[in-house]
Amino acid sequence: MKTYLALAALAASSLLACSSARAAEAQKFKVIHVPDLVAELQSGHPTVLDANGEKTRNADGIIPGAKLLSSCGSYDVAKELPASKDSELVFYCANTKCMASHSAAGRAVEAGYTNVAVLADGIQGWKAAGQKTAKP
């Protein structure tokens, strides 16, 4: 019984550590929603980056003008992101439950980018808000 309780305590502390790590990661980039990105696209020129896989892109489309990442967590920063570290970057994936955009944005932050955001609503939220999509 002591072994079971010790394992349960260890699992709980690991879960708490993961939650704390995710909370700290979220503070490194902004979380935005569809109206925010619409406004940014009207007033500026953010680089919008799609962290979805081929299946999601084919099913839901992409945000017009979005750059398609080769992989959410292991894309080549030097080849796939703008050279300027202060470029405005907005990552998105499928929806609020998908964390691929968070992973991709975290990779950009680790590479030294300073103006990074995640569209939490994803492509499905974009479509639900009545915004246009394009084919990948």
N, C-alpha and C. Protein backbone atom coordinates (compact mmCIF):
# COMPACT_ATOMS: atom_id res chain seq x y z
N MET A 1 0.82 -1.19 0.00
CA MET A 1 0.00 0.00 0.00
C MET A 1 0.87 1.25 0.00
N LYS A 2 2.00 1.20 0.76
CA LYS A 2 2.88 2.36 0.79
C LYS A 2 3.45 2.64 -0.60
N THR A 3 3.77 1.57 -1.33
CA THR A 3 4.32 1.73 -2.68
C THR A 3 3.30 2.40 -3.59
N TYR A 4 2.04 2.00 -3.48
CA TYR A 4 0.97 2.59 -4.28
C TYR A 4 0.82 4.07 -3.95
N LEU A 5 0.82 4.41 -2.67
CA LEU A 5 0.68 5.81 -2.26
C LEU A 5 1.88 6.63 -2.73
N ALA A 6 3.07 6.05 -2.67
CA ALA A 6 4.26 6.76 -3.12
C ALA A 6 4.19 7.01 -4.63
N LEU A 7 3.73 6.01 -5.37
CA LEU A 7 3.57 6.18 -6.82
C LEU A 7 2.51 7.23 -7.15
N ALA A 8 1.43 7.22 -6.41
CA ALA A 8 0.37 8.21 -6.63
C ALA A 8 0.88 9.62 -6.34
N ALA A 9 1.66 9.78 -5.27
CA ALA A 9 2.23 11.09 -4.93
C ALA A 9 3.21 11.54 -6.00
N LEU A 10 4.01 10.61 -6.50
CA LEU A 10 4.96 10.94 -7.56
C LEU A 10 4.23 11.37 -8.83
N ALA A 11 3.18 10.66 -9.18
CA ALA A 11 2.40 11.00 -10.37
C ALA A 11 1.76 12.38 -10.22
N ALA A 12 1.23 12.67 -9.04
CA ALA A 12 0.61 13.97 -8.79
C ALA A 12 1.63 15.10 -8.90
N SER A 13 2.82 14.87 -8.35
CA SER A 13 3.84 15.93 -8.42
C SER A 13 4.33 16.11 -9.85
N SER A 14 4.40 15.05 -10.64
CA SER A 14 4.78 15.16 -12.05
C SER A 14 3.72 15.94 -12.82
N LEU A 15 2.46 15.66 -12.54
CA LEU A 15 1.37 16.38 -13.21
C LEU A 15 1.43 17.86 -12.86
N LEU A 16 1.69 18.18 -11.63
CA LEU A 16 1.80 19.57 -11.20
C LEU A 16 2.97 20.25 -11.89
N ALA A 17 4.08 19.55 -12.03
CA ALA A 17 5.25 20.12 -12.71
C ALA A 17 4.93 20.40 -14.17
N CYS A 18 4.21 19.48 -14.83
CA CYS A 18 3.84 19.69 -16.23
C CYS A 18 2.91 20.88 -16.36
N SER A 19 1.95 21.00 -15.46
CA SER A 19 1.03 22.12 -15.50
C SER A 19 1.77 23.43 -15.30
N SER A 20 2.72 23.45 -14.39
CA SER A 20 3.51 24.66 -14.15
C SER A 20 4.36 25.01 -15.36
N ALA A 21 4.93 24.00 -15.99
CA ALA A 21 5.75 24.23 -17.18
C ALA A 21 4.89 24.79 -18.31
N ARG A 22 3.69 24.26 -18.48
CA ARG A 22 2.81 24.77 -19.53
C ARG A 22 2.39 26.20 -19.22
N ALA A 23 2.12 26.51 -17.97
CA ALA A 23 1.74 27.88 -17.60
C ALA A 23 2.88 28.83 -17.90
N ALA A 24 4.11 28.43 -17.60
CA ALA A 24 5.27 29.28 -17.87
C ALA A 24 5.45 29.45 -19.37
N GLU A 25 5.26 28.38 -20.15
CA GLU A 25 5.39 28.46 -21.60
C GLU A 25 4.37 29.43 -22.18
N ALA A 26 3.15 29.40 -21.67
CA ALA A 26 2.09 30.26 -22.20
C ALA A 26 2.42 31.74 -22.01
N GLN A 27 3.23 32.07 -21.03
CA GLN A 27 3.57 33.46 -20.78
C GLN A 27 4.60 33.99 -21.78
N LYS A 28 5.21 33.14 -22.57
CA LYS A 28 6.23 33.56 -23.51
C LYS A 28 5.63 34.09 -24.81
N PHE A 29 4.38 33.80 -25.08
CA PHE A 29 3.73 34.30 -26.28
C PHE A 29 2.28 34.68 -25.94
N LYS A 30 1.71 35.54 -26.78
CA LYS A 30 0.33 35.98 -26.57
C LYS A 30 -0.63 34.91 -27.08
N VAL A 31 -1.78 34.84 -26.47
CA VAL A 31 -2.87 34.02 -26.96
C VAL A 31 -3.93 34.98 -27.48
N ILE A 32 -4.28 34.84 -28.76
CA ILE A 32 -5.25 35.74 -29.37
C ILE A 32 -6.43 34.94 -29.90
N HIS A 33 -7.46 35.67 -30.34
CA HIS A 33 -8.66 35.04 -30.89
C HIS A 33 -8.96 35.63 -32.26
N VAL A 34 -9.94 35.08 -32.94
CA VAL A 34 -10.23 35.46 -34.32
C VAL A 34 -10.35 36.98 -34.50
N PRO A 35 -11.14 37.70 -33.69
CA PRO A 35 -11.24 39.15 -33.92
C PRO A 35 -9.88 39.86 -33.82
N ASP A 36 -9.00 39.36 -32.96
CA ASP A 36 -7.66 39.95 -32.83
C ASP A 36 -6.86 39.77 -34.12
N LEU A 37 -6.89 38.56 -34.67
CA LEU A 37 -6.14 38.31 -35.89
C LEU A 37 -6.73 39.08 -37.07
N VAL A 38 -8.05 39.16 -37.14
CA VAL A 38 -8.68 39.93 -38.21
C VAL A 38 -8.19 41.37 -38.16
N ALA A 39 -8.16 41.95 -36.96
CA ALA A 39 -7.68 43.33 -36.80
C ALA A 39 -6.21 43.46 -37.18
N GLU A 40 -5.39 42.50 -36.77
CA GLU A 40 -3.97 42.53 -37.10
C GLU A 40 -3.75 42.42 -38.60
N LEU A 41 -4.55 41.60 -39.27
CA LEU A 41 -4.41 41.44 -40.72
C LEU A 41 -4.84 42.72 -41.46
N GLN A 42 -5.79 43.46 -40.88
CA GLN A 42 -6.25 44.70 -41.50
C GLN A 42 -5.28 45.85 -41.27
N SER A 43 -4.59 45.84 -40.14
CA SER A 43 -3.72 46.97 -39.81
C SER A 43 -2.23 46.72 -40.03
N GLY A 44 -1.86 45.48 -40.18
CA GLY A 44 -0.45 45.16 -40.33
C GLY A 44 -0.25 43.95 -41.21
N HIS A 45 0.92 43.39 -41.12
CA HIS A 45 1.24 42.23 -41.94
C HIS A 45 1.92 41.15 -41.11
N PRO A 46 1.15 40.53 -40.20
CA PRO A 46 1.77 39.44 -39.44
C PRO A 46 2.04 38.25 -40.36
N THR A 47 3.04 37.48 -40.00
CA THR A 47 3.27 36.22 -40.69
C THR A 47 2.40 35.18 -40.00
N VAL A 48 1.43 34.63 -40.72
CA VAL A 48 0.50 33.64 -40.17
C VAL A 48 1.04 32.27 -40.55
N LEU A 49 1.18 31.40 -39.55
CA LEU A 49 1.80 30.09 -39.75
C LEU A 49 0.86 28.97 -39.34
N ASP A 50 0.62 28.06 -40.27
CA ASP A 50 -0.27 26.93 -40.06
C ASP A 50 0.52 25.75 -39.54
N ALA A 51 0.19 25.28 -38.34
CA ALA A 51 0.88 24.16 -37.70
C ALA A 51 0.09 22.86 -37.84
N ASN A 52 -0.93 22.85 -38.69
CA ASN A 52 -1.74 21.65 -38.88
C ASN A 52 -1.05 20.65 -39.79
N GLY A 53 -1.53 19.43 -39.72
CA GLY A 53 -1.07 18.39 -40.63
C GLY A 53 -1.88 18.42 -41.91
N GLU A 54 -1.46 17.64 -42.87
CA GLU A 54 -2.10 17.61 -44.19
C GLU A 54 -3.58 17.25 -44.11
N LYS A 55 -3.93 16.31 -43.25
CA LYS A 55 -5.33 15.87 -43.15
C LYS A 55 -6.23 17.02 -42.70
N THR A 56 -5.81 17.76 -41.69
CA THR A 56 -6.60 18.89 -41.20
C THR A 56 -6.65 19.99 -42.24
N ARG A 57 -5.52 20.26 -42.88
CA ARG A 57 -5.50 21.30 -43.92
C ARG A 57 -6.45 20.96 -45.06
N ASN A 58 -6.46 19.71 -45.47
CA ASN A 58 -7.35 19.31 -46.56
C ASN A 58 -8.82 19.36 -46.14
N ALA A 59 -9.11 19.03 -44.90
CA ALA A 59 -10.48 19.02 -44.41
C ALA A 59 -11.01 20.42 -44.13
N ASP A 60 -10.20 21.27 -43.52
CA ASP A 60 -10.66 22.58 -43.06
C ASP A 60 -10.14 23.77 -43.86
N GLY A 61 -9.15 23.55 -44.70
CA GLY A 61 -8.55 24.66 -45.42
C GLY A 61 -7.51 25.36 -44.56
N ILE A 62 -7.05 26.50 -45.04
CA ILE A 62 -6.06 27.29 -44.30
C ILE A 62 -6.51 28.75 -44.28
N ILE A 63 -5.94 29.52 -43.40
CA ILE A 63 -6.17 30.96 -43.42
C ILE A 63 -5.47 31.50 -44.66
N PRO A 64 -6.17 32.28 -45.49
CA PRO A 64 -5.54 32.79 -46.71
C PRO A 64 -4.21 33.49 -46.42
N GLY A 65 -3.20 33.10 -47.17
CA GLY A 65 -1.88 33.69 -47.03
C GLY A 65 -1.00 33.03 -45.99
N ALA A 66 -1.54 32.05 -45.26
CA ALA A 66 -0.75 31.39 -44.22
C ALA A 66 0.39 30.59 -44.82
N LYS A 67 1.50 30.59 -44.11
CA LYS A 67 2.65 29.77 -44.48
C LYS A 67 2.48 28.41 -43.80
N LEU A 68 2.66 27.34 -44.56
CA LEU A 68 2.47 26.00 -44.02
C LEU A 68 3.78 25.48 -43.43
N LEU A 69 3.76 25.20 -42.13
CA LEU A 69 4.95 24.64 -41.49
C LEU A 69 5.09 23.17 -41.88
N SER A 70 6.32 22.72 -41.98
CA SER A 70 6.56 21.33 -42.33
C SER A 70 6.18 20.39 -41.19
N SER A 71 6.31 20.87 -39.95
CA SER A 71 5.99 20.09 -38.76
C SER A 71 5.86 21.05 -37.60
N CYS A 72 4.91 20.83 -36.71
CA CYS A 72 4.67 21.82 -35.66
C CYS A 72 5.83 21.94 -34.68
N GLY A 73 6.43 20.85 -34.29
CA GLY A 73 7.46 20.91 -33.25
C GLY A 73 8.88 20.80 -33.73
N SER A 74 9.07 20.41 -34.99
CA SER A 74 10.44 20.20 -35.44
C SER A 74 10.72 20.88 -36.79
N TYR A 75 9.99 21.93 -37.09
CA TYR A 75 10.24 22.64 -38.34
C TYR A 75 11.60 23.34 -38.28
N ASP A 76 12.14 23.67 -39.43
CA ASP A 76 13.44 24.32 -39.53
C ASP A 76 13.24 25.82 -39.37
N VAL A 77 13.56 26.34 -38.20
CA VAL A 77 13.36 27.75 -37.88
C VAL A 77 14.03 28.65 -38.91
N ALA A 78 15.26 28.36 -39.26
CA ALA A 78 16.02 29.19 -40.19
C ALA A 78 15.39 29.24 -41.58
N LYS A 79 14.77 28.15 -42.00
CA LYS A 79 14.19 28.09 -43.34
C LYS A 79 12.73 28.51 -43.38
N GLU A 80 12.00 28.33 -42.28
CA GLU A 80 10.55 28.51 -42.33
C GLU A 80 10.04 29.78 -41.65
N LEU A 81 10.87 30.46 -40.89
CA LEU A 81 10.44 31.70 -40.24
C LEU A 81 11.21 32.88 -40.84
N PRO A 82 10.64 34.08 -40.74
CA PRO A 82 11.35 35.26 -41.25
C PRO A 82 12.69 35.44 -40.53
N ALA A 83 13.62 36.09 -41.19
CA ALA A 83 14.95 36.30 -40.61
C ALA A 83 14.91 37.24 -39.41
N SER A 84 14.05 38.24 -39.46
CA SER A 84 13.98 39.23 -38.39
C SER A 84 13.32 38.64 -37.14
N LYS A 85 14.03 38.67 -36.04
CA LYS A 85 13.53 38.09 -34.79
C LYS A 85 12.37 38.88 -34.17
N ASP A 86 12.14 40.11 -34.65
CA ASP A 86 11.01 40.88 -34.12
C ASP A 86 9.80 40.85 -35.06
N SER A 87 9.83 39.97 -36.06
CA SER A 87 8.68 39.79 -36.95
C SER A 87 7.47 39.36 -36.14
N GLU A 88 6.30 39.85 -36.55
CA GLU A 88 5.06 39.45 -35.88
C GLU A 88 4.64 38.09 -36.42
N LEU A 89 4.64 37.08 -35.55
CA LEU A 89 4.30 35.71 -35.92
C LEU A 89 3.01 35.29 -35.24
N VAL A 90 2.09 34.69 -35.99
CA VAL A 90 0.85 34.15 -35.42
C VAL A 90 0.73 32.70 -35.88
N PHE A 91 0.75 31.79 -34.93
CA PHE A 91 0.63 30.36 -35.20
C PHE A 91 -0.79 29.90 -34.91
N TYR A 92 -1.27 28.95 -35.70
CA TYR A 92 -2.57 28.35 -35.40
C TYR A 92 -2.54 26.87 -35.77
N CYS A 93 -3.48 26.12 -35.19
CA CYS A 93 -3.66 24.72 -35.55
C CYS A 93 -5.14 24.47 -35.74
N ALA A 94 -5.67 23.34 -35.28
CA ALA A 94 -7.05 22.97 -35.59
C ALA A 94 -8.10 23.73 -34.76
N ASN A 95 -7.95 23.71 -33.44
CA ASN A 95 -8.98 24.27 -32.57
C ASN A 95 -8.43 24.49 -31.17
N THR A 96 -9.28 24.83 -30.22
CA THR A 96 -8.84 25.13 -28.86
C THR A 96 -8.26 23.92 -28.13
N LYS A 97 -8.55 22.73 -28.59
CA LYS A 97 -8.03 21.53 -27.94
C LYS A 97 -6.67 21.10 -28.50
N CYS A 98 -6.34 21.62 -29.66
CA CYS A 98 -5.09 21.27 -30.32
C CYS A 98 -3.96 22.13 -29.76
N MET A 99 -2.83 21.54 -29.50
CA MET A 99 -1.69 22.28 -28.95
C MET A 99 -0.51 22.38 -29.92
N ALA A 100 -0.71 21.99 -31.17
CA ALA A 100 0.38 22.06 -32.15
C ALA A 100 0.86 23.49 -32.33
N SER A 101 -0.06 24.45 -32.34
CA SER A 101 0.33 25.85 -32.49
C SER A 101 1.14 26.33 -31.30
N HIS A 102 0.80 25.87 -30.11
CA HIS A 102 1.55 26.24 -28.91
C HIS A 102 2.98 25.70 -28.99
N SER A 103 3.10 24.47 -29.46
CA SER A 103 4.41 23.85 -29.61
C SER A 103 5.25 24.62 -30.63
N ALA A 104 4.64 24.94 -31.76
CA ALA A 104 5.35 25.66 -32.82
C ALA A 104 5.75 27.06 -32.35
N ALA A 105 4.85 27.73 -31.63
CA ALA A 105 5.15 29.07 -31.11
C ALA A 105 6.27 29.00 -30.07
N GLY A 106 6.23 27.99 -29.23
CA GLY A 106 7.29 27.81 -28.23
C GLY A 106 8.64 27.62 -28.88
N ARG A 107 8.67 26.91 -29.98
CA ARG A 107 9.92 26.72 -30.72
C ARG A 107 10.44 28.06 -31.25
N ALA A 108 9.54 28.90 -31.74
CA ALA A 108 9.94 30.23 -32.22
C ALA A 108 10.50 31.08 -31.09
N VAL A 109 9.85 31.04 -29.94
CA VAL A 109 10.31 31.80 -28.78
C VAL A 109 11.70 31.32 -28.36
N GLU A 110 11.89 30.00 -28.33
CA GLU A 110 13.20 29.44 -27.97
C GLU A 110 14.28 29.88 -28.95
N ALA A 111 13.89 30.13 -30.21
CA ALA A 111 14.84 30.56 -31.23
C ALA A 111 15.11 32.06 -31.17
N GLY A 112 14.45 32.76 -30.24
CA GLY A 112 14.72 34.18 -30.04
C GLY A 112 13.70 35.14 -30.62
N TYR A 113 12.60 34.65 -31.16
CA TYR A 113 11.56 35.54 -31.69
C TYR A 113 10.82 36.18 -30.53
N THR A 114 10.50 37.45 -30.66
CA THR A 114 9.96 38.22 -29.54
C THR A 114 8.52 38.67 -29.69
N ASN A 115 7.95 38.53 -30.88
CA ASN A 115 6.59 38.99 -31.14
C ASN A 115 5.76 37.82 -31.64
N VAL A 116 5.46 36.90 -30.74
CA VAL A 116 4.85 35.61 -31.09
C VAL A 116 3.47 35.50 -30.46
N ALA A 117 2.51 35.02 -31.24
CA ALA A 117 1.15 34.81 -30.74
C ALA A 117 0.61 33.48 -31.26
N VAL A 118 -0.40 32.97 -30.56
CA VAL A 118 -1.12 31.77 -30.96
C VAL A 118 -2.59 32.13 -31.12
N LEU A 119 -3.15 31.77 -32.26
CA LEU A 119 -4.59 31.92 -32.48
C LEU A 119 -5.25 30.71 -31.84
N ALA A 120 -5.73 30.89 -30.62
CA ALA A 120 -6.25 29.76 -29.83
C ALA A 120 -7.44 29.07 -30.50
N ASP A 121 -8.23 29.80 -31.26
CA ASP A 121 -9.44 29.25 -31.88
C ASP A 121 -9.13 28.29 -33.03
N GLY A 122 -7.94 28.40 -33.59
CA GLY A 122 -7.54 27.54 -34.69
C GLY A 122 -8.35 27.77 -35.95
N ILE A 123 -8.09 26.95 -36.95
CA ILE A 123 -8.78 27.09 -38.23
C ILE A 123 -10.27 26.81 -38.08
N GLN A 124 -10.65 25.93 -37.19
CA GLN A 124 -12.08 25.64 -37.01
C GLN A 124 -12.81 26.82 -36.39
N GLY A 125 -12.17 27.51 -35.46
CA GLY A 125 -12.76 28.72 -34.89
C GLY A 125 -12.81 29.85 -35.91
N TRP A 126 -11.77 29.91 -36.76
CA TRP A 126 -11.71 30.90 -37.84
C TRP A 126 -12.93 30.72 -38.76
N LYS A 127 -13.17 29.47 -39.16
CA LYS A 127 -14.30 29.17 -40.04
C LYS A 127 -15.63 29.44 -39.34
N ALA A 128 -15.74 29.05 -38.07
CA ALA A 128 -16.98 29.24 -37.31
C ALA A 128 -17.33 30.72 -37.17
N ALA A 129 -16.30 31.57 -37.20
CA ALA A 129 -16.51 33.02 -37.10
C ALA A 129 -16.86 33.62 -38.46
N GLY A 130 -16.98 32.78 -39.49
CA GLY A 130 -17.39 33.26 -40.81
C GLY A 130 -16.26 33.79 -41.67
N GLN A 131 -15.01 33.53 -41.26
CA GLN A 131 -13.87 34.01 -42.04
C GLN A 131 -13.60 33.07 -43.20
N LYS A 132 -13.05 33.62 -44.27
CA LYS A 132 -12.77 32.84 -45.47
C LYS A 132 -11.53 31.96 -45.27
N THR A 133 -11.54 30.85 -45.97
CA THR A 133 -10.37 29.95 -45.96
C THR A 133 -9.90 29.76 -47.40
N ALA A 134 -8.71 29.20 -47.52
CA ALA A 134 -8.15 28.89 -48.83
C ALA A 134 -7.78 27.41 -48.84
N LYS A 135 -7.56 26.89 -50.02
CA LYS A 135 -7.08 25.52 -50.13
C LYS A 135 -5.57 25.52 -49.87
N PRO A 136 -5.07 24.45 -49.23
CA PRO A 136 -3.63 24.41 -48.96
C PRO A 136 -2.79 24.30 -50.23
